[in-house]
Amino acid sequence: MAERLPKGEKILRGIAVSDGVCRGKILVLHRTHHIIARHALPGEEVAAEIGRFEKALVQTRQEILEVQRKVVENLGAKEADIFEAHLLMLEDHALVGAAPRGASGIVRATVPGRGEPG
């Protein structure tokens, strides 16, 4: 059975930053709705797009390392540890490894004569 809330109260659910429960006033600045556009690529463009993606990963890694270096210089190594997690995300196969497969899947779905994707 749904919990009855006092008039004017709402329960907002999201991803917790830390463990625990908090009750108090909040301000919702905006709610976004993401639209992900899909674009069909001709087969000959897939390799170039995957190359652009891999180049972006290298550039992102360099930028994170630079920010991490500046934080170490200005605030100390402990404060810069958070950037290790950012760097690990760039190596996470579930995140970045799926992108080239996704690009190939979109192309497979749009190449004439191949039928619908499995």
N, C-alpha and C. Protein backbone atom coordinates (compact mmCIF):
# COMPACT_ATOMS: atom_id res chain seq x y z
N MET A 1 0.84 -1.17 0.00
CA MET A 1 0.00 0.00 0.00
C MET A 1 0.89 1.25 0.00
N ALA A 2 0.52 2.24 -0.77
CA ALA A 2 1.30 3.45 -0.89
C ALA A 2 1.26 4.25 0.41
N GLU A 3 2.41 4.84 0.73
CA GLU A 3 2.52 5.65 1.94
C GLU A 3 1.77 6.96 1.75
N ARG A 4 0.96 7.33 2.74
CA ARG A 4 0.24 8.60 2.69
C ARG A 4 1.15 9.68 3.24
N LEU A 5 1.32 10.72 2.46
CA LEU A 5 2.19 11.82 2.84
C LEU A 5 1.37 13.02 3.27
N PRO A 6 1.90 13.80 4.18
CA PRO A 6 1.21 15.04 4.53
C PRO A 6 1.06 15.92 3.29
N LYS A 7 0.01 16.73 3.28
CA LYS A 7 -0.28 17.60 2.15
C LYS A 7 0.95 18.44 1.78
N GLY A 8 1.27 18.46 0.50
CA GLY A 8 2.38 19.25 0.00
C GLY A 8 3.72 18.55 0.02
N GLU A 9 3.79 17.35 0.57
CA GLU A 9 5.06 16.62 0.61
C GLU A 9 5.13 15.63 -0.54
N LYS A 10 6.35 15.41 -1.02
CA LYS A 10 6.62 14.44 -2.07
C LYS A 10 7.83 13.62 -1.67
N ILE A 11 7.92 12.44 -2.19
CA ILE A 11 9.13 11.63 -2.03
C ILE A 11 9.86 11.66 -3.36
N LEU A 12 11.10 12.13 -3.33
CA LEU A 12 11.95 12.14 -4.52
C LEU A 12 12.99 11.05 -4.34
N ARG A 13 13.16 10.24 -5.35
CA ARG A 13 14.13 9.15 -5.28
C ARG A 13 15.25 9.42 -6.27
N GLY A 14 16.45 9.03 -5.89
CA GLY A 14 17.59 9.25 -6.76
C GLY A 14 18.76 8.40 -6.32
N ILE A 15 19.91 8.76 -6.79
CA ILE A 15 21.13 8.05 -6.44
C ILE A 15 21.74 8.76 -5.24
N ALA A 16 21.96 8.01 -4.17
CA ALA A 16 22.49 8.59 -2.95
C ALA A 16 23.97 8.93 -3.08
N VAL A 17 24.36 10.04 -2.52
CA VAL A 17 25.76 10.43 -2.48
C VAL A 17 26.43 9.76 -1.29
N SER A 18 25.68 9.57 -0.22
CA SER A 18 26.21 8.88 0.96
C SER A 18 25.06 8.14 1.62
N ASP A 19 25.42 7.18 2.48
CA ASP A 19 24.41 6.40 3.18
C ASP A 19 23.62 7.26 4.15
N GLY A 20 22.38 6.86 4.41
CA GLY A 20 21.60 7.55 5.40
C GLY A 20 20.31 8.11 4.85
N VAL A 21 19.56 8.68 5.73
CA VAL A 21 18.27 9.28 5.39
C VAL A 21 18.32 10.74 5.81
N CYS A 22 17.73 11.58 5.01
CA CYS A 22 17.69 13.00 5.33
C CYS A 22 16.27 13.49 5.12
N ARG A 23 15.85 14.36 5.95
CA ARG A 23 14.53 14.96 5.81
C ARG A 23 14.70 16.47 5.94
N GLY A 24 14.24 17.20 4.97
CA GLY A 24 14.40 18.63 5.02
C GLY A 24 13.94 19.28 3.73
N LYS A 25 14.22 20.55 3.59
CA LYS A 25 13.83 21.29 2.40
C LYS A 25 14.83 21.04 1.29
N ILE A 26 14.33 20.96 0.06
CA ILE A 26 15.18 20.82 -1.11
C ILE A 26 14.75 21.84 -2.15
N LEU A 27 15.59 22.03 -3.11
CA LEU A 27 15.28 22.89 -4.24
C LEU A 27 15.60 22.09 -5.50
N VAL A 28 14.60 21.82 -6.32
CA VAL A 28 14.80 21.13 -7.59
C VAL A 28 15.03 22.21 -8.64
N LEU A 29 16.27 22.26 -9.14
CA LEU A 29 16.62 23.32 -10.09
C LEU A 29 16.03 23.06 -11.47
N HIS A 30 16.12 21.84 -11.92
CA HIS A 30 15.57 21.50 -13.23
C HIS A 30 15.47 19.99 -13.36
N ARG A 31 14.65 19.60 -14.24
CA ARG A 31 14.54 18.18 -14.58
C ARG A 31 14.84 18.09 -16.06
N THR A 32 15.72 17.22 -16.39
CA THR A 32 16.11 17.11 -17.79
C THR A 32 15.58 15.81 -18.39
N HIS A 33 15.29 15.88 -19.63
CA HIS A 33 14.90 14.70 -20.39
C HIS A 33 15.92 14.58 -21.51
N HIS A 34 16.69 13.51 -21.45
CA HIS A 34 17.74 13.32 -22.44
C HIS A 34 17.17 12.65 -23.69
N ILE A 35 17.54 13.19 -24.80
CA ILE A 35 17.15 12.60 -26.08
C ILE A 35 18.42 12.10 -26.74
N ILE A 36 18.46 10.82 -27.00
CA ILE A 36 19.62 10.24 -27.65
C ILE A 36 19.27 9.99 -29.11
N ALA A 37 19.94 10.71 -29.97
CA ALA A 37 19.68 10.58 -31.40
C ALA A 37 20.51 9.43 -31.96
N ARG A 38 19.93 8.65 -32.80
CA ARG A 38 20.65 7.57 -33.49
C ARG A 38 20.83 7.97 -34.94
N HIS A 39 22.05 7.78 -35.40
CA HIS A 39 22.36 8.12 -36.78
C HIS A 39 22.92 6.88 -37.47
N ALA A 40 22.40 6.60 -38.61
CA ALA A 40 22.92 5.47 -39.38
C ALA A 40 24.20 5.91 -40.08
N LEU A 41 25.21 5.06 -40.02
CA LEU A 41 26.48 5.34 -40.69
C LEU A 41 26.68 4.36 -41.82
N PRO A 42 27.13 4.86 -42.94
CA PRO A 42 27.54 3.92 -43.98
C PRO A 42 28.71 3.09 -43.46
N GLY A 43 28.81 1.88 -43.87
CA GLY A 43 29.84 0.96 -43.38
C GLY A 43 31.24 1.52 -43.45
N GLU A 44 31.54 2.30 -44.47
CA GLU A 44 32.89 2.84 -44.64
C GLU A 44 33.22 3.94 -43.63
N GLU A 45 32.23 4.47 -42.93
CA GLU A 45 32.47 5.53 -41.95
C GLU A 45 32.64 5.01 -40.52
N VAL A 46 32.35 3.74 -40.30
CA VAL A 46 32.40 3.19 -38.94
C VAL A 46 33.80 3.29 -38.35
N ALA A 47 34.81 2.89 -39.11
CA ALA A 47 36.18 2.91 -38.59
C ALA A 47 36.60 4.32 -38.19
N ALA A 48 36.22 5.32 -38.99
CA ALA A 48 36.57 6.71 -38.67
C ALA A 48 35.89 7.16 -37.38
N GLU A 49 34.63 6.78 -37.20
CA GLU A 49 33.91 7.16 -35.98
C GLU A 49 34.51 6.49 -34.75
N ILE A 50 34.87 5.23 -34.87
CA ILE A 50 35.51 4.53 -33.76
C ILE A 50 36.85 5.20 -33.45
N GLY A 51 37.58 5.61 -34.48
CA GLY A 51 38.84 6.33 -34.29
C GLY A 51 38.64 7.64 -33.55
N ARG A 52 37.59 8.37 -33.91
CA ARG A 52 37.28 9.64 -33.22
C ARG A 52 36.97 9.38 -31.75
N PHE A 53 36.23 8.31 -31.48
CA PHE A 53 35.89 7.96 -30.10
C PHE A 53 37.16 7.63 -29.31
N GLU A 54 38.04 6.83 -29.89
CA GLU A 54 39.27 6.44 -29.20
C GLU A 54 40.17 7.67 -28.98
N LYS A 55 40.21 8.58 -29.94
CA LYS A 55 40.98 9.82 -29.78
C LYS A 55 40.40 10.66 -28.64
N ALA A 56 39.08 10.71 -28.54
CA ALA A 56 38.42 11.45 -27.46
C ALA A 56 38.75 10.84 -26.10
N LEU A 57 38.85 9.51 -26.03
CA LEU A 57 39.23 8.87 -24.78
C LEU A 57 40.64 9.27 -24.36
N VAL A 58 41.56 9.30 -25.31
CA VAL A 58 42.94 9.69 -25.02
C VAL A 58 42.98 11.14 -24.54
N GLN A 59 42.27 12.01 -25.23
CA GLN A 59 42.24 13.43 -24.85
C GLN A 59 41.63 13.61 -23.47
N THR A 60 40.56 12.89 -23.20
CA THR A 60 39.91 12.97 -21.89
C THR A 60 40.85 12.52 -20.80
N ARG A 61 41.57 11.42 -21.04
CA ARG A 61 42.55 10.92 -20.07
C ARG A 61 43.60 11.99 -19.78
N GLN A 62 44.11 12.64 -20.82
CA GLN A 62 45.12 13.68 -20.64
C GLN A 62 44.58 14.85 -19.83
N GLU A 63 43.34 15.24 -20.10
CA GLU A 63 42.74 16.35 -19.36
C GLU A 63 42.53 16.00 -17.89
N ILE A 64 42.08 14.79 -17.62
CA ILE A 64 41.89 14.37 -16.22
C ILE A 64 43.23 14.33 -15.50
N LEU A 65 44.25 13.79 -16.15
CA LEU A 65 45.58 13.74 -15.54
C LEU A 65 46.10 15.15 -15.24
N GLU A 66 45.84 16.09 -16.12
CA GLU A 66 46.28 17.47 -15.90
C GLU A 66 45.55 18.09 -14.71
N VAL A 67 44.25 17.90 -14.63
CA VAL A 67 43.48 18.41 -13.49
C VAL A 67 43.97 17.75 -12.21
N GLN A 68 44.19 16.44 -12.26
CA GLN A 68 44.68 15.71 -11.09
C GLN A 68 46.03 16.29 -10.63
N ARG A 69 46.93 16.56 -11.57
CA ARG A 69 48.24 17.11 -11.24
C ARG A 69 48.08 18.46 -10.55
N LYS A 70 47.19 19.31 -11.06
CA LYS A 70 46.98 20.63 -10.47
C LYS A 70 46.39 20.52 -9.06
N VAL A 71 45.49 19.57 -8.86
CA VAL A 71 44.90 19.38 -7.54
C VAL A 71 45.97 18.91 -6.56
N VAL A 72 46.85 18.00 -6.99
CA VAL A 72 47.94 17.54 -6.12
C VAL A 72 48.82 18.73 -5.72
N GLU A 73 49.16 19.57 -6.69
CA GLU A 73 50.01 20.73 -6.42
C GLU A 73 49.35 21.71 -5.44
N ASN A 74 48.07 21.95 -5.63
CA ASN A 74 47.39 23.00 -4.86
C ASN A 74 46.73 22.51 -3.58
N LEU A 75 46.26 21.27 -3.57
CA LEU A 75 45.50 20.79 -2.41
C LEU A 75 46.09 19.55 -1.75
N GLY A 76 46.87 18.79 -2.49
CA GLY A 76 47.47 17.59 -1.93
C GLY A 76 46.98 16.33 -2.62
N ALA A 77 47.76 15.25 -2.43
CA ALA A 77 47.48 13.98 -3.10
C ALA A 77 46.16 13.36 -2.67
N LYS A 78 45.81 13.48 -1.40
CA LYS A 78 44.58 12.87 -0.91
C LYS A 78 43.35 13.44 -1.64
N GLU A 79 43.34 14.75 -1.82
CA GLU A 79 42.22 15.39 -2.50
C GLU A 79 42.15 15.02 -3.98
N ALA A 80 43.27 14.63 -4.54
CA ALA A 80 43.31 14.27 -5.97
C ALA A 80 42.94 12.82 -6.23
N ASP A 81 42.77 12.03 -5.17
CA ASP A 81 42.47 10.61 -5.34
C ASP A 81 41.18 10.36 -6.12
N ILE A 82 40.23 11.26 -6.04
CA ILE A 82 38.95 11.07 -6.73
C ILE A 82 39.14 10.89 -8.23
N PHE A 83 40.19 11.49 -8.76
CA PHE A 83 40.41 11.41 -10.20
C PHE A 83 40.85 10.01 -10.64
N GLU A 84 41.31 9.19 -9.70
CA GLU A 84 41.62 7.79 -10.04
C GLU A 84 40.34 7.07 -10.48
N ALA A 85 39.24 7.38 -9.84
CA ALA A 85 37.96 6.77 -10.23
C ALA A 85 37.56 7.22 -11.63
N HIS A 86 37.79 8.49 -11.94
CA HIS A 86 37.48 9.00 -13.27
C HIS A 86 38.31 8.28 -14.32
N LEU A 87 39.58 8.09 -14.02
CA LEU A 87 40.47 7.40 -14.97
C LEU A 87 40.06 5.94 -15.15
N LEU A 88 39.64 5.31 -14.06
CA LEU A 88 39.19 3.92 -14.16
C LEU A 88 37.95 3.78 -15.03
N MET A 89 37.08 4.78 -15.02
CA MET A 89 35.89 4.72 -15.87
C MET A 89 36.27 4.69 -17.35
N LEU A 90 37.37 5.38 -17.69
CA LEU A 90 37.82 5.38 -19.08
C LEU A 90 38.33 4.02 -19.52
N GLU A 91 38.65 3.16 -18.55
CA GLU A 91 39.14 1.81 -18.85
C GLU A 91 38.06 0.75 -18.68
N ASP A 92 36.89 1.13 -18.22
CA ASP A 92 35.81 0.18 -17.94
C ASP A 92 35.22 -0.34 -19.24
N HIS A 93 35.42 -1.62 -19.48
CA HIS A 93 34.95 -2.22 -20.74
C HIS A 93 33.43 -2.13 -20.88
N ALA A 94 32.72 -2.22 -19.77
CA ALA A 94 31.26 -2.13 -19.85
C ALA A 94 30.81 -0.76 -20.34
N LEU A 95 31.60 0.28 -20.04
CA LEU A 95 31.25 1.63 -20.48
C LEU A 95 31.81 1.95 -21.86
N VAL A 96 33.13 1.92 -21.96
CA VAL A 96 33.75 2.37 -23.21
C VAL A 96 33.86 1.26 -24.25
N GLY A 97 33.87 0.02 -23.82
CA GLY A 97 33.96 -1.09 -24.78
C GLY A 97 32.68 -1.30 -25.57
N ALA A 98 31.57 -0.84 -25.03
CA ALA A 98 30.29 -1.02 -25.70
C ALA A 98 30.10 -0.04 -26.85
N ALA A 99 30.78 1.09 -26.83
CA ALA A 99 30.57 2.11 -27.86
C ALA A 99 30.93 1.62 -29.26
N PRO A 100 32.11 1.05 -29.48
CA PRO A 100 32.40 0.56 -30.83
C PRO A 100 31.44 -0.55 -31.27
N ARG A 101 31.05 -1.42 -30.34
CA ARG A 101 30.08 -2.46 -30.70
C ARG A 101 28.76 -1.83 -31.08
N GLY A 102 28.36 -0.78 -30.35
CA GLY A 102 27.11 -0.09 -30.67
C GLY A 102 27.16 0.56 -32.03
N ALA A 103 28.28 1.16 -32.38
CA ALA A 103 28.42 1.78 -33.70
C ALA A 103 28.30 0.72 -34.78
N SER A 104 28.94 -0.41 -34.58
CA SER A 104 28.84 -1.48 -35.57
C SER A 104 27.43 -2.02 -35.65
N GLY A 105 26.74 -2.11 -34.51
CA GLY A 105 25.37 -2.61 -34.50
C GLY A 105 24.43 -1.71 -35.27
N ILE A 106 24.62 -0.40 -35.13
CA ILE A 106 23.78 0.54 -35.86
C ILE A 106 24.01 0.38 -37.35
N VAL A 107 25.25 0.22 -37.73
CA VAL A 107 25.55 0.05 -39.15
C VAL A 107 24.96 -1.25 -39.66
N ARG A 108 25.11 -2.33 -38.89
CA ARG A 108 24.54 -3.61 -39.33
C ARG A 108 23.04 -3.50 -39.55
N ALA A 109 22.39 -2.68 -38.71
CA ALA A 109 20.95 -2.54 -38.79
C ALA A 109 20.52 -1.72 -40.01
N THR A 110 21.47 -0.99 -40.61
CA THR A 110 21.06 -0.11 -41.69
C THR A 110 21.68 -0.46 -43.05
N VAL A 111 22.54 -1.46 -43.08
CA VAL A 111 23.14 -1.84 -44.36
C VAL A 111 22.10 -2.60 -45.17
N PRO A 112 21.80 -2.14 -46.39
CA PRO A 112 20.78 -2.82 -47.20
C PRO A 112 21.15 -4.29 -47.44
N GLY A 113 20.13 -5.13 -47.40
CA GLY A 113 20.32 -6.54 -47.72
C GLY A 113 20.69 -7.40 -46.54
N ARG A 114 20.90 -6.81 -45.38
CA ARG A 114 21.29 -7.61 -44.22
C ARG A 114 20.10 -7.96 -43.33
N GLY A 115 18.96 -7.36 -43.57
CA GLY A 115 17.78 -7.64 -42.75
C GLY A 115 17.85 -6.95 -41.41
N GLU A 116 16.95 -7.31 -40.54
CA GLU A 116 16.87 -6.71 -39.22
C GLU A 116 17.96 -7.27 -38.32
N PRO A 117 18.44 -6.48 -37.38
CA PRO A 117 19.45 -6.97 -36.46
C PRO A 117 18.89 -8.06 -35.56
N GLY A 118 19.79 -8.97 -35.13
CA GLY A 118 19.38 -10.09 -34.28
C GLY A 118 19.30 -9.68 -32.91
